[in-house]
Amino acid sequence: IALGGGVVGDLAGFAAACWMRGVRFVQVPTTLLAMVDSAVGGKTGV
């Protein structure tokens, strides 16, 4: 579960994509930018 803005969401999503080749993750965005953009759509990375 990613609780935070875009940095936390992108990091947690990237880890979820890699761990055991993919585990479930949940976005709990706490910034406006993350709510309307980075938390939706599945882009993850560093």
ModelCIF file with pLDDT and N, C-alpha, C, O atoms, coordinates in Angstrom:
data_MODEL
#
_entry.id   MODEL 
#
_entity.id                         1 
_entity.type                       polymer 
_entity.pdbx_number_of_molecules   1 
#
_entity_poly.entity_id                      1 
_entity_poly.type                           'polypeptide(L)' 
_entity_poly.nstd_linkage                   no 
_entity_poly.nstd_monomer                   no 
_entity_poly.pdbx_seq_one_letter_code       IALGGGVVGDLAGFAAACWMRGVRFVQVPTTLLAMVDSAVGGKTGV 
_entity_poly.pdbx_seq_one_letter_code_can   IALGGGVVGDLAGFAAACWMRGVRFVQVPTTLLAMVDSAVGGKTGV 
_entity_poly.pdbx_strand_id                 A 
#
loop_
_entity_poly_seq.entity_id 
_entity_poly_seq.num 
_entity_poly_seq.mon_id 
_entity_poly_seq.hetero 
1 1  ILE n 
1 2  ALA n 
1 3  LEU n 
1 4  GLY n 
1 5  GLY n 
1 6  GLY n 
1 7  VAL n 
1 8  VAL n 
1 9  GLY n 
1 10 ASP n 
1 11 LEU n 
1 12 ALA n 
1 13 GLY n 
1 14 PHE n 
1 15 ALA n 
1 16 ALA n 
1 17 ALA n 
1 18 CYS n 
1 19 TRP n 
1 20 MET n 
1 21 ARG n 
1 22 GLY n 
1 23 VAL n 
1 24 ARG n 
1 25 PHE n 
1 26 VAL n 
1 27 GLN n 
1 28 VAL n 
1 29 PRO n 
1 30 THR n 
1 31 THR n 
1 32 LEU n 
1 33 LEU n 
1 34 ALA n 
1 35 MET n 
1 36 VAL n 
1 37 ASP n 
1 38 SER n 
1 39 ALA n 
1 40 VAL n 
1 41 GLY n 
1 42 GLY n 
1 43 LYS n 
1 44 THR n 
1 45 GLY n 
1 46 VAL n 
#
_struct_asym.id          A 
_struct_asym.entity_id   1 
#
loop_
_ma_qa_metric.id 
_ma_qa_metric.mode 
_ma_qa_metric.name 
_ma_qa_metric.software_group_id 
_ma_qa_metric.type 
1 global pLDDT . pLDDT 
2 local  pLDDT . pLDDT 
#
_ma_qa_metric_global.metric_id      1 
_ma_qa_metric_global.metric_value   97.02 
_ma_qa_metric_global.model_id       1 
_ma_qa_metric_global.ordinal_id     1 
#
loop_
_ma_qa_metric_local.label_asym_id 
_ma_qa_metric_local.label_comp_id 
_ma_qa_metric_local.label_seq_id 
_ma_qa_metric_local.metric_id 
_ma_qa_metric_local.metric_value 
_ma_qa_metric_local.model_id 
_ma_qa_metric_local.ordinal_id 
A ILE 1  2 96.00 1 1  
A ALA 2  2 98.00 1 2  
A LEU 3  2 97.00 1 3  
A GLY 4  2 98.00 1 4  
A GLY 5  2 97.00 1 5  
A GLY 6  2 96.00 1 6  
A VAL 7  2 97.00 1 7  
A VAL 8  2 98.00 1 8  
A GLY 9  2 98.00 1 9  
A ASP 10 2 97.00 1 10 
A LEU 11 2 97.00 1 11 
A ALA 12 2 98.00 1 12 
A GLY 13 2 98.00 1 13 
A PHE 14 2 98.00 1 14 
A ALA 15 2 98.00 1 15 
A ALA 16 2 98.00 1 16 
A ALA 17 2 98.00 1 17 
A CYS 18 2 98.00 1 18 
A TRP 19 2 97.00 1 19 
A MET 20 2 96.00 1 20 
A ARG 21 2 95.00 1 21 
A GLY 22 2 97.00 1 22 
A VAL 23 2 96.00 1 23 
A ARG 24 2 94.00 1 24 
A PHE 25 2 95.00 1 25 
A VAL 26 2 96.00 1 26 
A GLN 27 2 97.00 1 27 
A VAL 28 2 97.00 1 28 
A PRO 29 2 98.00 1 29 
A THR 30 2 98.00 1 30 
A THR 31 2 98.00 1 31 
A LEU 32 2 98.00 1 32 
A LEU 33 2 97.00 1 33 
A ALA 34 2 98.00 1 34 
A MET 35 2 98.00 1 35 
A VAL 36 2 98.00 1 36 
A ASP 37 2 96.00 1 37 
A SER 38 2 96.00 1 38 
A ALA 39 2 97.00 1 39 
A VAL 40 2 97.00 1 40 
A GLY 41 2 96.00 1 41 
A GLY 42 2 97.00 1 42 
A LYS 43 2 96.00 1 43 
A THR 44 2 97.00 1 44 
A GLY 45 2 97.00 1 45 
A VAL 46 2 96.00 1 46 
#
loop_
_atom_site.group_PDB 
_atom_site.id 
_atom_site.type_symbol 
_atom_site.label_atom_id 
_atom_site.label_alt_id 
_atom_site.label_comp_id 
_atom_site.label_asym_id 
_atom_site.label_entity_id 
_atom_site.label_seq_id 
_atom_site.pdbx_PDB_ins_code 
_atom_site.Cartn_x 
_atom_site.Cartn_y 
_atom_site.Cartn_z 
_atom_site.occupancy 
_atom_site.B_iso_or_equiv 
_atom_site.pdbx_formal_charge 
_atom_site.auth_seq_id 
_atom_site.auth_comp_id 
_atom_site.auth_asym_id 
_atom_site.auth_atom_id 
_atom_site.pdbx_PDB_model_num 
ATOM 1   N N  . ILE A 1 1  ? 0.851  -1.186  0.000   1.00 96.00 ? 1  ILE A N  1 
ATOM 2   C CA . ILE A 1 1  ? 0.000  0.000   0.000   1.00 96.00 ? 1  ILE A CA 1 
ATOM 3   C C  . ILE A 1 1  ? 0.890  1.241   0.000   1.00 96.00 ? 1  ILE A C  1 
ATOM 4   O O  . ILE A 1 1  ? 1.743  1.402   0.873   1.00 96.00 ? 1  ILE A O  1 
ATOM 5   N N  . ALA A 1 2  ? 0.686  2.110   -0.979  1.00 98.00 ? 2  ALA A N  1 
ATOM 6   C CA . ALA A 1 2  ? 1.429  3.361   -1.081  1.00 98.00 ? 2  ALA A CA 1 
ATOM 7   C C  . ALA A 1 2  ? 0.593  4.472   -0.470  1.00 98.00 ? 2  ALA A C  1 
ATOM 8   O O  . ALA A 1 2  ? -0.471 4.810   -0.990  1.00 98.00 ? 2  ALA A O  1 
ATOM 9   N N  . LEU A 1 3  ? 1.065  5.039   0.626   1.00 97.00 ? 3  LEU A N  1 
ATOM 10  C CA . LEU A 1 3  ? 0.375  6.132   1.310   1.00 97.00 ? 3  LEU A CA 1 
ATOM 11  C C  . LEU A 1 3  ? 1.221  7.389   1.170   1.00 97.00 ? 3  LEU A C  1 
ATOM 12  O O  . LEU A 1 3  ? 2.211  7.556   1.883   1.00 97.00 ? 3  LEU A O  1 
ATOM 13  N N  . GLY A 1 4  ? 0.839  8.268   0.262   1.00 98.00 ? 4  GLY A N  1 
ATOM 14  C CA . GLY A 1 4  ? 1.627  9.475   0.069   1.00 98.00 ? 4  GLY A CA 1 
ATOM 15  C C  . GLY A 1 4  ? 1.424  10.066  -1.313  1.00 98.00 ? 4  GLY A C  1 
ATOM 16  O O  . GLY A 1 4  ? 0.406  9.826   -1.963  1.00 98.00 ? 4  GLY A O  1 
ATOM 17  N N  . GLY A 1 5  ? 2.402  10.840  -1.753  1.00 97.00 ? 5  GLY A N  1 
ATOM 18  C CA . GLY A 1 5  ? 2.333  11.498  -3.047  1.00 97.00 ? 5  GLY A CA 1 
ATOM 19  C C  . GLY A 1 5  ? 2.951  10.668  -4.151  1.00 97.00 ? 5  GLY A C  1 
ATOM 20  O O  . GLY A 1 5  ? 3.064  9.447   -4.047  1.00 97.00 ? 5  GLY A O  1 
ATOM 21  N N  . GLY A 1 6  ? 3.353  11.360  -5.223  1.00 96.00 ? 6  GLY A N  1 
ATOM 22  C CA . GLY A 1 6  ? 3.833  10.658  -6.401  1.00 96.00 ? 6  GLY A CA 1 
ATOM 23  C C  . GLY A 1 6  ? 5.112  9.872   -6.185  1.00 96.00 ? 6  GLY A C  1 
ATOM 24  O O  . GLY A 1 6  ? 5.276  8.798   -6.763  1.00 96.00 ? 6  GLY A O  1 
ATOM 25  N N  . VAL A 1 7  ? 6.024  10.383  -5.365  1.00 97.00 ? 7  VAL A N  1 
ATOM 26  C CA . VAL A 1 7  ? 7.275  9.672   -5.128  1.00 97.00 ? 7  VAL A CA 1 
ATOM 27  C C  . VAL A 1 7  ? 7.010  8.336   -4.452  1.00 97.00 ? 7  VAL A C  1 
ATOM 28  O O  . VAL A 1 7  ? 7.512  7.302   -4.894  1.00 97.00 ? 7  VAL A O  1 
ATOM 29  N N  . VAL A 1 8  ? 6.231  8.354   -3.393  1.00 98.00 ? 8  VAL A N  1 
ATOM 30  C CA . VAL A 1 8  ? 5.897  7.113   -2.679  1.00 98.00 ? 8  VAL A CA 1 
ATOM 31  C C  . VAL A 1 8  ? 5.130  6.161   -3.591  1.00 98.00 ? 8  VAL A C  1 
ATOM 32  O O  . VAL A 1 8  ? 5.414  4.963   -3.616  1.00 98.00 ? 8  VAL A O  1 
ATOM 33  N N  . GLY A 1 9  ? 4.167  6.681   -4.332  1.00 98.00 ? 9  GLY A N  1 
ATOM 34  C CA . GLY A 1 9  ? 3.378  5.838   -5.218  1.00 98.00 ? 9  GLY A CA 1 
ATOM 35  C C  . GLY A 1 9  ? 4.208  5.193   -6.306  1.00 98.00 ? 9  GLY A C  1 
ATOM 36  O O  . GLY A 1 9  ? 4.052  4.002   -6.576  1.00 98.00 ? 9  GLY A O  1 
ATOM 37  N N  . ASP A 1 10 ? 5.097  5.964   -6.944  1.00 97.00 ? 10 ASP A N  1 
ATOM 38  C CA . ASP A 1 10 ? 5.939  5.416   -8.006  1.00 97.00 ? 10 ASP A CA 1 
ATOM 39  C C  . ASP A 1 10 ? 6.897  4.362   -7.465  1.00 97.00 ? 10 ASP A C  1 
ATOM 40  O O  . ASP A 1 10 ? 7.109  3.327   -8.097  1.00 97.00 ? 10 ASP A O  1 
ATOM 41  N N  . LEU A 1 11 ? 7.478  4.626   -6.293  1.00 97.00 ? 11 LEU A N  1 
ATOM 42  C CA . LEU A 1 11 ? 8.405  3.674   -5.675  1.00 97.00 ? 11 LEU A CA 1 
ATOM 43  C C  . LEU A 1 11 ? 7.708  2.378   -5.288  1.00 97.00 ? 11 LEU A C  1 
ATOM 44  O O  . LEU A 1 11 ? 8.166  1.287   -5.627  1.00 97.00 ? 11 LEU A O  1 
ATOM 45  N N  . ALA A 1 12 ? 6.594  2.509   -4.573  1.00 98.00 ? 12 ALA A N  1 
ATOM 46  C CA . ALA A 1 12 ? 5.875  1.325   -4.106  1.00 98.00 ? 12 ALA A CA 1 
ATOM 47  C C  . ALA A 1 12 ? 5.346  0.515   -5.282  1.00 98.00 ? 12 ALA A C  1 
ATOM 48  O O  . ALA A 1 12 ? 5.378  -0.716  -5.262  1.00 98.00 ? 12 ALA A O  1 
ATOM 49  N N  . GLY A 1 13 ? 4.863  1.204   -6.299  1.00 98.00 ? 13 GLY A N  1 
ATOM 50  C CA . GLY A 1 13 ? 4.378  0.498   -7.482  1.00 98.00 ? 13 GLY A CA 1 
ATOM 51  C C  . GLY A 1 13 ? 5.489  -0.231  -8.207  1.00 98.00 ? 13 GLY A C  1 
ATOM 52  O O  . GLY A 1 13 ? 5.294  -1.347  -8.689  1.00 98.00 ? 13 GLY A O  1 
ATOM 53  N N  . PHE A 1 14 ? 6.658  0.396   -8.287  1.00 98.00 ? 14 PHE A N  1 
ATOM 54  C CA . PHE A 1 14 ? 7.808  -0.253  -8.921  1.00 98.00 ? 14 PHE A CA 1 
ATOM 55  C C  . PHE A 1 14 ? 8.215  -1.500  -8.147  1.00 98.00 ? 14 PHE A C  1 
ATOM 56  O O  . PHE A 1 14 ? 8.485  -2.544  -8.742  1.00 98.00 ? 14 PHE A O  1 
ATOM 57  N N  . ALA A 1 15 ? 8.260  -1.393  -6.822  1.00 98.00 ? 15 ALA A N  1 
ATOM 58  C CA . ALA A 1 15 ? 8.590  -2.561  -6.000  1.00 98.00 ? 15 ALA A CA 1 
ATOM 59  C C  . ALA A 1 15 ? 7.549  -3.662  -6.181  1.00 98.00 ? 15 ALA A C  1 
ATOM 60  O O  . ALA A 1 15 ? 7.893  -4.842  -6.253  1.00 98.00 ? 15 ALA A O  1 
ATOM 61  N N  . ALA A 1 16 ? 6.270  -3.270  -6.256  1.00 98.00 ? 16 ALA A N  1 
ATOM 62  C CA . ALA A 1 16 ? 5.206  -4.260  -6.445  1.00 98.00 ? 16 ALA A CA 1 
ATOM 63  C C  . ALA A 1 16 ? 5.324  -4.944  -7.796  1.00 98.00 ? 16 ALA A C  1 
ATOM 64  O O  . ALA A 1 16 ? 5.044  -6.137  -7.913  1.00 98.00 ? 16 ALA A O  1 
ATOM 65  N N  . ALA A 1 17 ? 5.735  -4.203  -8.819  1.00 98.00 ? 17 ALA A N  1 
ATOM 66  C CA . ALA A 1 17 ? 5.897  -4.789  -10.147 1.00 98.00 ? 17 ALA A CA 1 
ATOM 67  C C  . ALA A 1 17 ? 7.033  -5.800  -10.179 1.00 98.00 ? 17 ALA A C  1 
ATOM 68  O O  . ALA A 1 17 ? 6.968  -6.787  -10.912 1.00 98.00 ? 17 ALA A O  1 
ATOM 69  N N  . CYS A 1 18 ? 8.082  -5.555  -9.380  1.00 98.00 ? 18 CYS A N  1 
ATOM 70  C CA . CYS A 1 18 ? 9.271  -6.400  -9.408  1.00 98.00 ? 18 CYS A CA 1 
ATOM 71  C C  . CYS A 1 18 ? 9.222  -7.572  -8.437  1.00 98.00 ? 18 CYS A C  1 
ATOM 72  O O  . CYS A 1 18 ? 9.754  -8.643  -8.727  1.00 98.00 ? 18 CYS A O  1 
ATOM 73  N N  . TRP A 1 19 ? 8.581  -7.372  -7.277  1.00 97.00 ? 19 TRP A N  1 
ATOM 74  C CA . TRP A 1 19 ? 8.638  -8.398  -6.239  1.00 97.00 ? 19 TRP A CA 1 
ATOM 75  C C  . TRP A 1 19 ? 7.896  -9.651  -6.686  1.00 97.00 ? 19 TRP A C  1 
ATOM 76  O O  . TRP A 1 19 ? 6.699  -9.612  -6.970  1.00 97.00 ? 19 TRP A O  1 
ATOM 77  N N  . MET A 1 20 ? 8.628  -10.769 -6.744  1.00 96.00 ? 20 MET A N  1 
ATOM 78  C CA . MET A 1 20 ? 8.065  -12.041 -7.205  1.00 96.00 ? 20 MET A CA 1 
ATOM 79  C C  . MET A 1 20 ? 7.337  -11.880 -8.537  1.00 96.00 ? 20 MET A C  1 
ATOM 80  O O  . MET A 1 20 ? 6.345  -12.555 -8.812  1.00 96.00 ? 20 MET A O  1 
ATOM 81  N N  . ARG A 1 21 ? 7.870  -10.950 -9.367  1.00 95.00 ? 21 ARG A N  1 
ATOM 82  C CA . ARG A 1 21 ? 7.349  -10.661 -10.709 1.00 95.00 ? 21 ARG A CA 1 
ATOM 83  C C  . ARG A 1 21 ? 5.935  -10.097 -10.701 1.00 95.00 ? 21 ARG A C  1 
ATOM 84  O O  . ARG A 1 21 ? 5.196  -10.194 -11.681 1.00 95.00 ? 21 ARG A O  1 
ATOM 85  N N  . GLY A 1 22 ? 5.586  -9.509  -9.571  1.00 97.00 ? 22 GLY A N  1 
ATOM 86  C CA . GLY A 1 22 ? 4.327  -8.791  -9.547  1.00 97.00 ? 22 GLY A CA 1 
ATOM 87  C C  . GLY A 1 22 ? 3.403  -9.187  -8.420  1.00 97.00 ? 22 GLY A C  1 
ATOM 88  O O  . GLY A 1 22 ? 2.890  -10.306 -8.384  1.00 97.00 ? 22 GLY A O  1 
ATOM 89  N N  . VAL A 1 23 ? 3.190  -8.245  -7.479  1.00 96.00 ? 23 VAL A N  1 
ATOM 90  C CA . VAL A 1 23 ? 2.209  -8.458  -6.414  1.00 96.00 ? 23 VAL A CA 1 
ATOM 91  C C  . VAL A 1 23 ? 1.220  -7.288  -6.427  1.00 96.00 ? 23 VAL A C  1 
ATOM 92  O O  . VAL A 1 23 ? 1.455  -6.253  -7.052  1.00 96.00 ? 23 VAL A O  1 
ATOM 93  N N  . ARG A 1 24 ? 0.135  -7.486  -5.734  1.00 94.00 ? 24 ARG A N  1 
ATOM 94  C CA . ARG A 1 24 ? -0.927 -6.484  -5.681  1.00 94.00 ? 24 ARG A CA 1 
ATOM 95  C C  . ARG A 1 24 ? -0.450 -5.236  -4.953  1.00 94.00 ? 24 ARG A C  1 
ATOM 96  O O  . ARG A 1 24 ? 0.290  -5.318  -3.973  1.00 94.00 ? 24 ARG A O  1 
ATOM 97  N N  . PHE A 1 25 ? -0.892 -4.057  -5.455  1.00 95.00 ? 25 PHE A N  1 
ATOM 98  C CA . PHE A 1 25 ? -0.641 -2.855  -4.664  1.00 95.00 ? 25 PHE A CA 1 
ATOM 99  C C  . PHE A 1 25 ? -1.813 -1.893  -4.772  1.00 95.00 ? 25 PHE A C  1 
ATOM 100 O O  . PHE A 1 25 ? -2.603 -1.922  -5.716  1.00 95.00 ? 25 PHE A O  1 
ATOM 101 N N  . VAL A 1 26 ? -1.884 -1.046  -3.761  1.00 96.00 ? 26 VAL A N  1 
ATOM 102 C CA . VAL A 1 26 ? -2.987 -0.089  -3.617  1.00 96.00 ? 26 VAL A CA 1 
ATOM 103 C C  . VAL A 1 26 ? -2.394 1.306   -3.500  1.00 96.00 ? 26 VAL A C  1 
ATOM 104 O O  . VAL A 1 26 ? -1.423 1.518   -2.774  1.00 96.00 ? 26 VAL A O  1 
ATOM 105 N N  . GLN A 1 27 ? -2.975 2.244   -4.210  1.00 97.00 ? 27 GLN A N  1 
ATOM 106 C CA . GLN A 1 27 ? -2.556 3.634   -4.128  1.00 97.00 ? 27 GLN A CA 1 
ATOM 107 C C  . GLN A 1 27 ? -3.494 4.400   -3.183  1.00 97.00 ? 27 GLN A C  1 
ATOM 108 O O  . GLN A 1 27 ? -4.713 4.390   -3.355  1.00 97.00 ? 27 GLN A O  1 
ATOM 109 N N  . VAL A 1 28 ? -2.903 5.055   -2.195  1.00 97.00 ? 28 VAL A N  1 
ATOM 110 C CA . VAL A 1 28 ? -3.653 5.961   -1.319  1.00 97.00 ? 28 VAL A CA 1 
ATOM 111 C C  . VAL A 1 28 ? -2.995 7.335   -1.437  1.00 97.00 ? 28 VAL A C  1 
ATOM 112 O O  . VAL A 1 28 ? -2.209 7.716   -0.569  1.00 97.00 ? 28 VAL A O  1 
ATOM 113 N N  . PRO A 1 29 ? -3.303 8.081   -2.496  1.00 98.00 ? 29 PRO A N  1 
ATOM 114 C CA . PRO A 1 29 ? -2.635 9.357   -2.732  1.00 98.00 ? 29 PRO A CA 1 
ATOM 115 C C  . PRO A 1 29 ? -3.082 10.419  -1.748  1.00 98.00 ? 29 PRO A C  1 
ATOM 116 O O  . PRO A 1 29 ? -4.262 10.522  -1.413  1.00 98.00 ? 29 PRO A O  1 
ATOM 117 N N  . THR A 1 30 ? -2.120 11.206  -1.290  1.00 98.00 ? 30 THR A N  1 
ATOM 118 C CA . THR A 1 30 ? -2.433 12.265  -0.318  1.00 98.00 ? 30 THR A CA 1 
ATOM 119 C C  . THR A 1 30 ? -2.083 13.642  -0.853  1.00 98.00 ? 30 THR A C  1 
ATOM 120 O O  . THR A 1 30 ? -2.132 14.622  -0.109  1.00 98.00 ? 30 THR A O  1 
ATOM 121 N N  . THR A 1 31 ? -1.728 13.735  -2.136  1.00 98.00 ? 31 THR A N  1 
ATOM 122 C CA . THR A 1 31 ? -1.513 15.025  -2.788  1.00 98.00 ? 31 THR A CA 1 
ATOM 123 C C  . THR A 1 31 ? -2.462 15.125  -3.967  1.00 98.00 ? 31 THR A C  1 
ATOM 124 O O  . THR A 1 31 ? -2.889 14.109  -4.517  1.00 98.00 ? 31 THR A O  1 
ATOM 125 N N  . LEU A 1 32 ? -2.789 16.335  -4.350  1.00 98.00 ? 32 LEU A N  1 
ATOM 126 C CA . LEU A 1 32 ? -3.681 16.532  -5.494  1.00 98.00 ? 32 LEU A CA 1 
ATOM 127 C C  . LEU A 1 32 ? -3.050 15.991  -6.761  1.00 98.00 ? 32 LEU A C  1 
ATOM 128 O O  . LEU A 1 32 ? -3.732 15.360  -7.568  1.00 98.00 ? 32 LEU A O  1 
ATOM 129 N N  . LEU A 1 33 ? -1.762 16.224  -6.951  1.00 97.00 ? 33 LEU A N  1 
ATOM 130 C CA . LEU A 1 33 ? -1.097 15.748  -8.159  1.00 97.00 ? 33 LEU A CA 1 
ATOM 131 C C  . LEU A 1 33 ? -1.169 14.229  -8.267  1.00 97.00 ? 33 LEU A C  1 
ATOM 132 O O  . LEU A 1 33 ? -1.440 13.694  -9.342  1.00 97.00 ? 33 LEU A O  1 
ATOM 133 N N  . ALA A 1 34 ? -0.931 13.542  -7.170  1.00 98.00 ? 34 ALA A N  1 
ATOM 134 C CA . ALA A 1 34 ? -1.000 12.080  -7.209  1.00 98.00 ? 34 ALA A CA 1 
ATOM 135 C C  . ALA A 1 34 ? -2.420 11.598  -7.468  1.00 98.00 ? 34 ALA A C  1 
ATOM 136 O O  . ALA A 1 34 ? -2.621 10.640  -8.214  1.00 98.00 ? 34 ALA A O  1 
ATOM 137 N N  . MET A 1 35 ? -3.414 12.255  -6.856  1.00 98.00 ? 35 MET A N  1 
ATOM 138 C CA . MET A 1 35 ? -4.809 11.829  -7.054  1.00 98.00 ? 35 MET A CA 1 
ATOM 139 C C  . MET A 1 35 ? -5.229 11.879  -8.514  1.00 98.00 ? 35 MET A C  1 
ATOM 140 O O  . MET A 1 35 ? -5.890 10.966  -9.007  1.00 98.00 ? 35 MET A O  1 
ATOM 141 N N  . VAL A 1 36 ? -4.846 12.948  -9.203  1.00 98.00 ? 36 VAL A N  1 
ATOM 142 C CA . VAL A 1 36 ? -5.356 13.144  -10.557 1.00 98.00 ? 36 VAL A CA 1 
ATOM 143 C C  . VAL A 1 36 ? -4.416 12.601  -11.620 1.00 98.00 ? 36 VAL A C  1 
ATOM 144 O O  . VAL A 1 36 ? -4.781 12.544  -12.795 1.00 98.00 ? 36 VAL A O  1 
ATOM 145 N N  . ASP A 1 37 ? -3.211 12.201  -11.229 1.00 96.00 ? 37 ASP A N  1 
ATOM 146 C CA . ASP A 1 37 ? -2.263 11.782  -12.254 1.00 96.00 ? 37 ASP A CA 1 
ATOM 147 C C  . ASP A 1 37 ? -1.507 10.512  -11.892 1.00 96.00 ? 37 ASP A C  1 
ATOM 148 O O  . ASP A 1 37 ? -1.832 9.440   -12.403 1.00 96.00 ? 37 ASP A O  1 
ATOM 149 N N  . SER A 1 38 ? -0.499 10.607  -11.019 1.00 96.00 ? 38 SER A N  1 
ATOM 150 C CA . SER A 1 38 ? 0.441  9.500   -10.883 1.00 96.00 ? 38 SER A CA 1 
ATOM 151 C C  . SER A 1 38 ? -0.148 8.251   -10.248 1.00 96.00 ? 38 SER A C  1 
ATOM 152 O O  . SER A 1 38 ? 0.337  7.151   -10.512 1.00 96.00 ? 38 SER A O  1 
ATOM 153 N N  . ALA A 1 39 ? -1.189 8.384   -9.410  1.00 97.00 ? 39 ALA A N  1 
ATOM 154 C CA . ALA A 1 39 ? -1.754 7.206   -8.748  1.00 97.00 ? 39 ALA A CA 1 
ATOM 155 C C  . ALA A 1 39 ? -2.636 6.386   -9.676  1.00 97.00 ? 39 ALA A C  1 
ATOM 156 O O  . ALA A 1 39 ? -2.954 5.236   -9.372  1.00 97.00 ? 39 ALA A O  1 
ATOM 157 N N  . VAL A 1 40 ? -3.031 6.958   -10.795 1.00 97.00 ? 40 VAL A N  1 
ATOM 158 C CA . VAL A 1 40 ? -3.945 6.289   -11.731 1.00 97.00 ? 40 VAL A CA 1 
ATOM 159 C C  . VAL A 1 40 ? -3.204 5.978   -13.019 1.00 97.00 ? 40 VAL A C  1 
ATOM 160 O O  . VAL A 1 40 ? -2.579 6.860   -13.608 1.00 97.00 ? 40 VAL A O  1 
ATOM 161 N N  . GLY A 1 41 ? -3.271 4.736   -13.455 1.00 96.00 ? 41 GLY A N  1 
ATOM 162 C CA . GLY A 1 41 ? -2.710 4.417   -14.761 1.00 96.00 ? 41 GLY A CA 1 
ATOM 163 C C  . GLY A 1 41 ? -1.562 3.443   -14.780 1.00 96.00 ? 41 GLY A C  1 
ATOM 164 O O  . GLY A 1 41 ? -1.193 2.956   -15.849 1.00 96.00 ? 41 GLY A O  1 
ATOM 165 N N  . GLY A 1 42 ? -0.976 3.136   -13.620 1.00 97.00 ? 42 GLY A N  1 
ATOM 166 C CA . GLY A 1 42 ? -0.011 2.038   -13.572 1.00 97.00 ? 42 GLY A CA 1 
ATOM 167 C C  . GLY A 1 42 ? 1.413  2.364   -13.962 1.00 97.00 ? 42 GLY A C  1 
ATOM 168 O O  . GLY A 1 42 ? 2.229  1.452   -14.093 1.00 97.00 ? 42 GLY A O  1 
ATOM 169 N N  . LYS A 1 43 ? 1.745  3.634   -14.153 1.00 96.00 ? 43 LYS A N  1 
ATOM 170 C CA . LYS A 1 43 ? 3.151  3.970   -14.401 1.00 96.00 ? 43 LYS A CA 1 
ATOM 171 C C  . LYS A 1 43 ? 3.898  3.966   -13.072 1.00 96.00 ? 43 LYS A C  1 
ATOM 172 O O  . LYS A 1 43 ? 3.496  4.640   -12.124 1.00 96.00 ? 43 LYS A O  1 
ATOM 173 N N  . THR A 1 44 ? 4.977  3.209   -13.010 1.00 97.00 ? 44 THR A N  1 
ATOM 174 C CA . THR A 1 44 ? 5.798  3.154   -11.808 1.00 97.00 ? 44 THR A CA 1 
ATOM 175 C C  . THR A 1 44 ? 7.253  3.337   -12.217 1.00 97.00 ? 44 THR A C  1 
ATOM 176 O O  . THR A 1 44 ? 7.603  3.134   -13.380 1.00 97.00 ? 44 THR A O  1 
ATOM 177 N N  . GLY A 1 45 ? 8.107  3.722   -11.263 1.00 97.00 ? 45 GLY A N  1 
ATOM 178 C CA . GLY A 1 45 ? 9.501  3.824   -11.634 1.00 97.00 ? 45 GLY A CA 1 
ATOM 179 C C  . GLY A 1 45 ? 10.320 4.676   -10.702 1.00 97.00 ? 45 GLY A C  1 
ATOM 180 O O  . GLY A 1 45 ? 9.822  5.229   -9.721  1.00 97.00 ? 45 GLY A O  1 
ATOM 181 N N  . VAL A 1 46 ? 11.609 4.769   -11.037 1.00 96.00 ? 46 VAL A N  1 
ATOM 182 C CA . VAL A 1 46 ? 12.567 5.563   -10.275 1.00 96.00 ? 46 VAL A CA 1 
ATOM 183 C C  . VAL A 1 46 ? 13.414 6.375   -11.244 1.00 96.00 ? 46 VAL A C  1 
ATOM 184 O O  . VAL A 1 46 ? 14.294 7.123   -10.817 1.00 96.00 ? 46 VAL A O  1 
#
